[in-house]
């Protein structure tokens, strides 16, 4: 069923849980994620990367995800992730996205605020806006970035800026940088829970943790207690699917190019990861 992202996240936090958000580059992965959510009886968020949304087929994917969400037996939101181009934001919303991460985290502080304000003016009050303060290392679309994502601390969110930033942008959710990174971590993730706790007491809106792939489950369960209501996953989902396809491809080629059977393994891999993640974040 269609769900406003902020309502979905707030409801989860009231139950001491967080909502997982999964990047979907394709419909097969989205089907698996929604099926896992329906099996668990929990809501879920489907994310679309900005590079995807900037293409005609990407906009068609958003429309398909919107239809999938509407027909789901549990609350599902569709969000454009990490967007900085206003036209891409507008096109994604027109295609069916109900929320947008207006990401100006790589910009100077005032320019970041200006981008979120411009997104609000363009998209109107009914589109849920997430903003990001602080910068994450790495590349959300690749497991290995050019600078080899995995530094322990990169561009931590300045908690002293949080109240003003939220007030001036009017964002309904705030993504923060507390040692989390996009892509794979070098060694064990070193999250700054002290920084996250300081941020949590400075704002009433739900917080978002990006780059959660690779963070141990025993660490992730702490998130909701610090007002983190949305947790994003991409790398582990993709690498799991690709590893499964690599393993299964020879047998399915020899079995008459059995693409349908191969897609079944794709679905199983994505669904298994989604099921585990939903259980981890649910109280």
Protein backbone atom coordinates (compact mmCIF):
# COMPACT_ATOMS: atom_id res chain seq x y z
CA UNK A 1 0.00 0.00 0.00
CA UNK A 2 1.19 3.53 -0.66
CA UNK A 3 2.85 5.11 2.38
CA UNK A 4 4.34 8.52 3.12
CA UNK A 5 7.95 7.92 3.99
CA UNK A 6 7.92 10.15 7.06
CA UNK A 7 4.78 8.50 8.45
CA UNK A 8 6.25 5.04 7.85
CA UNK A 9 9.48 5.93 9.62
CA UNK A 10 7.83 7.74 12.53
CA UNK A 11 5.50 4.80 13.14
CA UNK A 12 8.45 2.40 13.24
CA UNK A 13 10.35 4.59 15.69
CA UNK A 14 7.33 4.64 18.01
CA UNK A 15 7.69 0.86 18.15
CA UNK A 16 11.44 1.07 18.76
CA UNK A 17 12.29 -0.05 15.22
CA UNK A 18 13.83 1.37 12.05
CA UNK A 19 12.73 0.91 8.44
CA UNK A 20 15.24 -0.55 5.96
CA UNK A 21 15.61 1.14 2.57
CA UNK A 22 16.96 -0.90 -0.35
CA UNK A 23 18.39 0.48 -3.59
CA UNK A 24 16.61 -1.17 -6.50
CA UNK A 25 18.27 -0.96 -9.90
CA UNK A 26 15.75 -3.42 -11.32
CA UNK A 27 12.25 -4.79 -10.79
CA UNK A 28 13.36 -8.31 -9.84
CA UNK A 29 15.14 -7.01 -6.75
CA UNK A 30 12.16 -4.84 -5.83
CA UNK A 31 9.78 -7.80 -6.09
CA UNK A 32 11.98 -9.79 -3.72
CA UNK A 33 12.23 -6.92 -1.21
CA UNK A 34 8.48 -6.31 -1.13
CA UNK A 35 7.73 -10.03 -0.80
CA UNK A 36 10.11 -10.21 2.18
CA UNK A 37 8.40 -7.17 3.72
CA UNK A 38 4.97 -8.76 3.25
CA UNK A 39 6.20 -12.00 4.82
CA UNK A 40 7.51 -10.09 7.85
CA UNK A 41 4.48 -7.80 8.08
CA UNK A 42 6.70 -4.71 8.11
CA UNK A 43 6.97 -1.64 5.92
CA UNK A 44 9.88 -1.04 3.58
CA UNK A 45 11.40 1.69 1.40
CA UNK A 46 12.42 1.23 -2.25
CA UNK A 47 15.25 3.53 -3.32
CA UNK A 48 16.13 4.65 -6.84
CA UNK A 49 19.60 6.05 -7.54
CA UNK A 50 19.81 9.44 -9.28
CA UNK A 51 21.78 8.00 -12.22
CA UNK A 52 18.90 5.57 -12.75
CA UNK A 53 16.24 8.27 -12.46
CA UNK A 54 18.05 10.43 -15.01
CA UNK A 55 17.20 7.97 -17.80
CA UNK A 56 13.88 7.20 -19.54
CA UNK A 57 14.02 3.57 -18.45
CA UNK A 58 14.82 4.68 -14.91
CA UNK A 59 11.64 6.75 -14.84
CA UNK A 60 9.72 3.73 -16.12
CA UNK A 61 11.24 1.73 -13.26
CA UNK A 62 9.99 4.32 -10.76
CA UNK A 63 6.50 4.01 -12.23
CA UNK A 64 6.69 0.23 -11.89
CA UNK A 65 7.89 0.53 -8.28
CA UNK A 66 4.99 2.86 -7.53
CA UNK A 67 2.56 0.27 -8.88
CA UNK A 68 4.28 -2.45 -6.85
CA UNK A 69 4.04 -0.33 -3.72
CA UNK A 70 0.37 0.45 -4.27
CA UNK A 71 -0.46 -3.24 -4.59
CA UNK A 72 1.64 -4.39 -1.61
CA UNK A 73 0.03 -5.76 1.53
CA UNK A 74 2.33 -3.66 3.73
CA UNK A 75 3.29 0.05 3.67
CA UNK A 76 5.87 0.78 0.96
CA UNK A 77 7.46 4.13 0.06
CA UNK A 78 9.40 4.95 -3.10
CA UNK A 79 12.24 7.45 -2.76
CA UNK A 80 14.68 9.12 -5.13
CA UNK A 81 18.02 8.80 -3.37
CA UNK A 82 20.97 11.24 -3.28
CA UNK A 83 19.69 13.71 -5.87
CA UNK A 84 21.25 17.11 -6.48
CA UNK A 85 19.68 17.93 -9.87
CA UNK A 86 16.31 19.66 -9.49
CA UNK A 87 15.06 18.46 -12.86
CA UNK A 88 15.82 14.84 -11.97
CA UNK A 89 13.91 15.36 -8.71
CA UNK A 90 10.88 16.76 -10.52
CA UNK A 91 10.90 13.99 -13.14
CA UNK A 92 11.19 11.27 -10.47
CA UNK A 93 8.26 12.68 -8.50
CA UNK A 94 6.17 12.93 -11.67
CA UNK A 95 7.02 9.27 -12.38
CA UNK A 96 5.85 8.12 -8.95
CA UNK A 97 8.44 8.80 -6.25
CA UNK A 98 6.80 10.11 -3.09
CA UNK A 99 9.97 11.36 -1.43
CA UNK A 100 13.38 12.74 -2.37
CA UNK A 101 16.77 12.99 -0.73
CA UNK A 102 17.88 16.46 -1.80
CA UNK A 103 21.57 15.84 -1.25
CA UNK A 104 23.73 18.94 -0.97
CA UNK A 105 26.15 17.33 1.48
CA UNK A 106 29.11 17.87 -0.86
CA UNK A 107 28.32 21.60 -1.07
CA UNK A 108 29.21 24.40 1.35
CA UNK A 109 26.76 24.66 4.24
CA UNK A 110 24.74 27.58 2.86
CA UNK A 111 24.56 26.01 -0.60
CA UNK A 112 23.32 22.78 0.92
CA UNK A 113 20.51 24.65 2.62
CA UNK A 114 19.70 26.51 -0.59
CA UNK A 115 19.40 23.24 -2.54
CA UNK A 116 16.93 21.75 -0.07
CA UNK A 117 14.92 24.97 -0.02
CA UNK A 118 14.83 25.01 -3.83
CA UNK A 119 13.67 21.39 -3.85
CA UNK A 120 10.85 22.22 -1.46
CA UNK A 121 9.74 25.18 -3.56
CA UNK A 122 9.81 23.08 -6.73
CA UNK A 123 8.24 19.87 -5.42
CA UNK A 124 5.66 21.33 -3.06
CA UNK A 125 4.57 20.35 0.46
CA UNK A 126 3.28 16.87 -0.33
CA UNK A 127 6.68 15.43 -1.29
CA UNK A 128 8.67 14.22 1.72
CA UNK A 129 12.16 15.71 1.76
CA UNK A 130 15.23 14.11 3.29
CA UNK A 131 18.37 16.23 3.55
CA UNK A 132 21.95 15.27 4.36
CA UNK A 133 24.40 17.10 6.61
CA UNK A 134 27.97 15.83 6.64
CA UNK A 135 29.72 13.88 3.91
CA UNK A 136 30.05 10.12 3.41
CA UNK A 137 33.12 8.65 1.74
CA UNK A 138 32.70 6.27 -1.17
CA UNK A 139 30.32 5.76 -4.07
CA UNK A 140 26.82 4.47 -3.41
CA UNK A 141 26.67 2.71 -6.80
CA UNK A 142 29.98 0.83 -6.50
CA UNK A 143 31.36 -1.53 -3.88
CA UNK A 144 34.86 -0.16 -4.45
CA UNK A 145 35.21 3.57 -4.96
CA UNK A 146 38.09 5.42 -6.54
CA UNK A 147 39.39 6.41 -3.14
CA UNK A 148 38.73 2.94 -1.67
CA UNK A 149 35.88 3.76 0.68
CA UNK A 150 36.42 2.54 4.20
CA UNK A 151 38.01 5.36 6.12
CA UNK A 152 36.84 5.32 9.70
CA UNK A 153 35.72 8.96 9.76
CA UNK A 154 34.98 11.18 6.79
CA UNK A 155 33.08 14.45 6.99
CA UNK A 156 31.31 13.88 10.30
CA UNK A 157 28.06 15.78 10.78
CA UNK A 158 28.61 18.85 12.93
CA UNK A 159 25.96 18.45 15.62
CA UNK A 160 26.12 22.17 16.39
CA UNK A 161 24.67 22.89 12.93
CA UNK A 162 21.79 20.44 13.12
CA UNK A 163 19.09 22.62 14.71
CA UNK A 164 19.60 25.55 12.35
CA UNK A 165 19.91 23.28 9.31
CA UNK A 166 16.65 21.46 10.05
CA UNK A 167 14.83 24.71 10.83
CA UNK A 168 15.93 26.46 7.66
CA UNK A 169 15.45 23.55 5.27
CA UNK A 170 12.20 22.19 6.65
CA UNK A 171 13.43 18.66 5.92
CA UNK A 172 11.32 15.84 7.35
CA UNK A 173 14.30 13.47 7.72
CA UNK A 174 18.01 14.10 8.20
CA UNK A 175 20.78 11.82 6.92
CA UNK A 176 23.93 12.04 9.04
CA UNK A 177 27.58 11.06 8.75
CA UNK A 178 28.95 9.36 11.87
CA UNK A 179 31.71 7.21 10.38
CA UNK A 180 29.43 5.33 7.97
CA UNK A 181 30.55 5.09 4.32
CA UNK A 182 29.19 4.07 0.93
CA UNK A 183 30.63 0.85 -0.41
CA UNK A 184 32.73 -1.64 1.53
CA UNK A 185 34.46 -0.84 4.80
CA UNK A 186 38.14 -1.38 5.42
CA UNK A 187 38.17 -3.61 8.45
CA UNK A 188 35.45 -3.13 11.04
CA UNK A 189 33.22 -0.03 10.81
CA UNK A 190 34.05 2.55 13.46
CA UNK A 191 30.78 4.38 14.03
CA UNK A 192 30.73 7.41 16.29
CA UNK A 193 27.71 6.61 18.40
CA UNK A 194 28.57 9.54 20.67
CA UNK A 195 28.17 11.94 17.74
CA UNK A 196 24.91 10.28 16.72
CA UNK A 197 23.55 10.57 20.26
CA UNK A 198 24.46 14.26 20.35
CA UNK A 199 22.66 14.82 17.04
CA UNK A 200 19.59 12.91 18.24
CA UNK A 201 18.98 15.23 21.16
CA UNK A 202 19.20 18.32 18.96
CA UNK A 203 16.32 17.58 16.58
CA UNK A 204 12.90 15.96 16.69
CA UNK A 205 12.87 14.69 13.10
CA UNK A 206 13.90 11.10 12.30
CA UNK A 207 17.54 10.50 11.43
CA UNK A 208 18.83 8.37 8.55
CA UNK A 209 21.90 6.14 8.43
CA UNK A 210 23.32 5.64 4.93
CA UNK A 211 26.03 3.13 4.05
CA UNK A 212 24.71 0.48 6.44
CA UNK A 213 26.00 -2.47 4.40
CA UNK A 214 28.76 -4.14 6.39
CA UNK A 215 27.75 -2.72 9.77
CA UNK A 216 27.33 -5.66 12.18
CA UNK A 217 23.78 -6.47 13.25
CA UNK A 218 24.62 -5.96 16.91
CA UNK A 219 25.59 -2.38 16.05
CA UNK A 220 22.60 -1.66 13.82
CA UNK A 221 20.12 -2.58 16.55
CA UNK A 222 21.28 0.50 18.48
CA UNK A 223 20.12 2.84 15.74
CA UNK A 224 16.44 3.23 16.62
CA UNK A 225 17.27 4.13 20.23
CA UNK A 226 19.10 7.17 18.82
CA UNK A 227 16.18 8.28 16.64
CA UNK A 228 17.47 6.61 13.47
CA UNK A 229 14.26 5.54 11.76
CA UNK A 230 15.59 4.77 8.26
CA UNK A 231 18.65 2.69 7.39
CA UNK A 232 19.89 2.43 3.79
CA UNK A 233 21.34 -0.71 2.19
CA UNK A 234 22.88 -1.10 -1.25
CA UNK A 235 26.29 -2.80 -1.43
CA UNK A 236 25.47 -6.04 0.41
CA UNK A 237 22.29 -6.47 -1.59
CA UNK A 238 24.09 -6.05 -4.92
CA UNK A 239 27.15 -8.12 -4.10
CA UNK A 240 24.97 -10.95 -2.82
CA UNK A 241 22.93 -11.02 -6.02
CA UNK A 242 26.03 -10.89 -8.24
CA UNK A 243 27.77 -13.65 -6.29
CA UNK A 244 24.69 -15.84 -6.64
CA UNK A 245 24.43 -15.19 -10.38
CA UNK A 246 28.13 -15.88 -10.86
CA UNK A 247 27.80 -19.20 -9.05
CA UNK A 248 24.60 -20.27 -10.81
CA UNK A 249 25.24 -19.02 -14.34
CA UNK A 250 27.18 -22.04 -15.75
CA UNK A 251 24.47 -24.51 -14.74
CA UNK A 252 21.69 -22.37 -16.15
CA UNK A 253 23.56 -21.88 -19.43
CA UNK A 254 23.90 -25.65 -19.80
CA UNK A 255 20.21 -26.03 -18.91
CA UNK A 256 19.01 -24.47 -22.16
CA UNK A 257 19.87 -20.87 -21.21
CA UNK A 258 17.39 -21.13 -18.34
CA UNK A 259 16.92 -17.45 -17.58
CA UNK A 260 13.73 -17.98 -15.59
CA UNK A 261 15.51 -20.35 -13.25
CA UNK A 262 18.41 -17.91 -12.87
CA UNK A 263 15.99 -15.11 -12.00
CA UNK A 264 14.60 -17.35 -9.28
CA UNK A 265 18.03 -17.47 -7.64
CA UNK A 266 18.33 -13.68 -8.03
CA UNK A 267 14.99 -13.29 -6.25
CA UNK A 268 16.02 -15.69 -3.50
CA UNK A 269 19.29 -13.86 -2.84
CA UNK A 270 17.69 -10.42 -2.65
CA UNK A 271 14.76 -11.71 -0.63
CA UNK A 272 16.97 -13.48 1.89
CA UNK A 273 19.01 -10.34 2.50
CA UNK A 274 15.87 -8.24 2.88
CA UNK A 275 14.35 -10.74 5.32
CA UNK A 276 17.46 -10.75 7.52
CA UNK A 277 17.67 -6.96 7.49
CA UNK A 278 14.00 -6.50 8.37
CA UNK A 279 14.44 -8.86 11.32
CA UNK A 280 17.54 -7.01 12.50
CA UNK A 281 15.84 -3.61 12.55
CA UNK A 282 12.52 -4.77 14.02
CA UNK A 283 11.72 -4.76 17.70
